[in-house]
Protein backbone atom coordinates (compact mmCIF):
# COMPACT_ATOMS: atom_id res chain seq x y z
CA MET A 1 -11.90 -14.41 -2.21
CA PRO A 2 -8.67 -12.58 -2.98
CA ASN A 3 -8.78 -10.24 -5.94
CA TYR A 4 -5.89 -11.81 -7.86
CA PRO A 5 -6.33 -9.66 -10.99
CA LYS A 6 -5.98 -6.50 -8.89
CA MET A 7 -2.91 -7.85 -7.09
CA TYR A 8 -1.40 -8.85 -10.44
CA ALA A 9 -2.04 -5.39 -11.88
CA ILE A 10 -0.45 -3.69 -8.88
CA LEU A 11 2.67 -5.85 -9.11
CA CYS A 12 3.01 -5.64 -12.89
CA ALA A 13 2.63 -1.87 -12.91
CA ALA A 14 5.27 -1.59 -10.20
CA ALA A 15 7.63 -3.92 -12.06
CA SER A 16 7.26 -1.89 -15.23
CA GLU A 17 7.90 1.38 -13.42
CA ALA A 18 10.84 -0.16 -11.54
CA ILE A 19 12.43 -1.23 -14.83
CA ASP A 20 12.15 2.35 -16.06
CA ARG A 21 13.68 3.70 -12.86
CA ILE A 22 16.55 1.23 -12.98
CA GLY A 23 17.18 2.26 -16.58
CA SER A 24 17.47 5.89 -15.51
CA GLY A 25 19.80 5.03 -12.62
CA ASP A 26 17.28 5.26 -9.77
CA SER A 27 17.74 1.80 -8.28
CA ALA A 28 16.79 2.97 -4.77
CA GLY A 29 13.51 4.34 -6.11
CA ALA A 30 12.88 1.06 -7.91
CA VAL A 31 13.42 -0.93 -4.73
CA ASN A 32 11.09 1.35 -2.78
CA LEU A 33 8.42 1.13 -5.47
CA LEU A 34 8.58 -2.68 -5.54
CA GLN A 35 8.49 -2.96 -1.75
CA ASN A 36 5.42 -0.72 -1.58
CA ALA A 37 3.63 -2.67 -4.31
CA LEU A 38 4.42 -5.96 -2.60
CA SER A 39 3.04 -4.63 0.69
CA GLU A 40 -0.11 -3.41 -1.04
CA ALA A 41 -0.68 -6.77 -2.75
CA GLU A 42 -0.03 -8.64 0.51
CA ASP A 43 -2.50 -6.40 2.35
CA LEU A 44 -5.18 -7.12 -0.25
CA TYR A 45 -4.59 -10.85 0.11
CA ILE A 46 -4.57 -10.81 3.91
CA CYS A 47 -7.73 -8.69 4.11
CA ALA A 48 -9.52 -11.02 1.70
CA GLU A 49 -8.48 -14.05 3.75
CA ASP A 50 -9.65 -12.37 6.96
CA GLU A 51 -13.03 -11.64 5.35
CA ARG A 52 -13.29 -15.22 4.13
CA LYS A 53 -12.69 -16.53 7.64
CA LYS A 54 -15.51 -14.35 9.00
CA GLU A 55 -18.05 -15.94 6.65
């Protein structure tokens, strides 16, 4: 089963950090941070689904 709390925490932490970066004028860094967090959350979901299918 996907670990939704972990995915949520990853995305919320990235959103919070991205807001800070945007506030300091680092919009490119914010975009990169959000893209990486989204990839990490997607990977967690996909791996969990793959494991579920093996069962």
